Protein backbone atom coordinates (compact mmCIF):
# COMPACT_ATOMS: atom_id res chain seq x y z
CA MET A 1 0.00 0.00 0.00
CA THR A 2 3.00 2.30 -0.17
CA GLU A 3 1.88 3.17 -3.70
CA THR A 4 -1.52 4.20 -2.35
CA LEU A 5 -0.03 6.56 0.21
CA ASN A 6 2.43 8.04 -2.27
CA GLY A 7 -0.32 8.40 -4.87
CA ALA A 8 -2.62 10.14 -2.40
CA ILE A 9 0.15 12.57 -1.42
CA ALA A 10 0.94 13.31 -5.05
CA ALA A 11 -2.76 13.80 -5.84
CA PHE A 12 -3.11 16.21 -2.90
CA ARG A 13 -0.16 18.24 -4.11
CA ALA A 14 -1.76 18.41 -7.57
CA ASN A 15 -5.11 19.40 -5.98
CA GLU A 16 -6.71 16.21 -7.35
CA GLN A 17 -7.03 14.25 -4.11
CA PRO A 18 -9.59 11.45 -3.72
CA ALA A 19 -12.56 11.78 -1.39
CA ILE A 20 -11.29 8.87 0.70
CA VAL A 21 -8.12 6.83 0.83
CA ARG A 22 -7.33 3.71 2.79
CA VAL A 23 -3.85 3.86 4.31
CA TYR A 24 -2.12 1.00 6.09
CA GLU A 25 -1.44 1.35 9.83
CA VAL A 26 2.26 2.17 9.39
CA GLY A 27 1.25 5.16 7.24
CA THR A 28 -0.91 6.60 10.02
CA GLY A 29 1.88 8.83 11.34
CA THR A 30 2.47 10.30 7.89
CA MET A 31 -1.21 11.06 7.48
CA MET A 32 -1.49 12.53 10.99
CA ALA A 33 1.39 14.90 10.23
CA ALA A 34 -0.13 15.96 6.89
CA ARG A 35 -2.04 18.95 8.25
CA GLY A 36 -4.56 20.19 5.70
CA ALA A 37 -4.30 17.04 3.62
CA VAL A 38 -6.73 15.00 5.70
CA TYR A 39 -10.18 15.60 7.14
CA PRO A 40 -9.91 14.27 10.70
CA VAL A 41 -12.68 11.99 11.93
CA TYR A 42 -13.37 14.17 14.97
CA GLN A 43 -13.79 17.23 12.72
CA LEU A 44 -16.04 15.34 10.29
CA MET A 45 -18.24 14.16 13.14
CA GLN A 46 -18.41 17.68 14.62
CA ASP A 47 -19.22 19.26 11.25
CA ARG A 48 -21.98 16.70 10.61
CA GLY A 49 -23.48 17.11 14.09
CA GLU A 50 -22.64 13.55 15.09
CA ALA A 51 -22.02 12.66 18.70
CA ARG A 52 -18.36 12.20 19.60
CA ASP A 53 -18.73 9.36 22.07
CA GLN A 54 -15.29 7.81 21.81
CA SER A 55 -16.20 5.26 24.48
CA VAL A 56 -17.93 3.18 21.79
CA PHE A 57 -14.53 2.46 20.24
CA LEU A 58 -11.87 0.20 21.67
CA ALA A 59 -9.49 2.24 23.84
CA PRO A 60 -6.32 0.97 22.08
CA VAL A 61 -7.82 1.95 18.72
CA VAL A 62 -8.70 5.44 19.93
CA GLY A 63 -5.23 5.82 21.43
CA TYR A 64 -3.44 4.76 18.26
CA TYR A 65 -5.45 6.95 15.90
CA SER A 66 -5.67 10.08 18.09
CA ASP A 67 -3.48 13.15 18.38
CA THR A 68 -1.91 14.28 21.65
CA SER A 69 -5.08 16.26 22.49
CA GLY A 70 -7.19 13.09 22.30
CA ASN A 71 -8.87 13.98 18.98
CA VAL A 72 -9.54 10.91 16.84
CA LEU A 73 -7.93 11.64 13.48
CA SER A 74 -8.76 8.39 11.72
CA LEU A 75 -10.18 4.94 12.30
CA PRO A 76 -9.53 1.56 10.80
CA PHE A 77 -11.85 1.43 7.79
CA ASN A 78 -13.03 -2.09 8.56
CA LEU A 79 -14.23 -0.99 12.03
CA VAL A 80 -16.42 1.84 10.77
CA HIS A 81 -20.06 1.14 9.98
CA SER A 82 -23.44 2.68 10.47
CA ASP A 83 -26.49 0.67 11.47
CA HIS A 84 -28.67 3.31 9.80
CA VAL A 85 -26.82 2.99 6.49
CA LEU A 86 -26.91 -0.80 6.73
CA GLN A 87 -30.67 -0.66 7.26
CA GLN A 88 -31.16 1.68 4.30
CA GLY A 89 -29.35 -0.86 2.15
CA HIS A 90 -31.57 -3.59 3.61
CA LEU A 91 -28.52 -5.23 5.13
CA ARG A 92 -28.11 -6.72 8.55
CA LYS A 93 -24.83 -7.13 10.39
CA SER A 94 -25.58 -10.81 10.84
CA ARG A 95 -26.30 -11.37 7.13
CA PRO A 96 -24.60 -9.00 4.69
């Protein structure tokens, strides 16, 4: 996934960045340091009026993906889901 991270950085510099990019865990530090290049999860949730109850996430996950102020910058993509969105797609967690 090094190519993905490098491609996303190059696209950002060319002002042609994707709406979302999946970066491997080792690339998290690079993304966290890329101020202005990422839309942090905590900011997205705040801007969308979503509750920021970090207690629903595993503490080690929150710790790994947060800045020194405790703001969650990203989350593992495979841990993010929305029951509401699943229901709109007529999907259930137990039977995708």
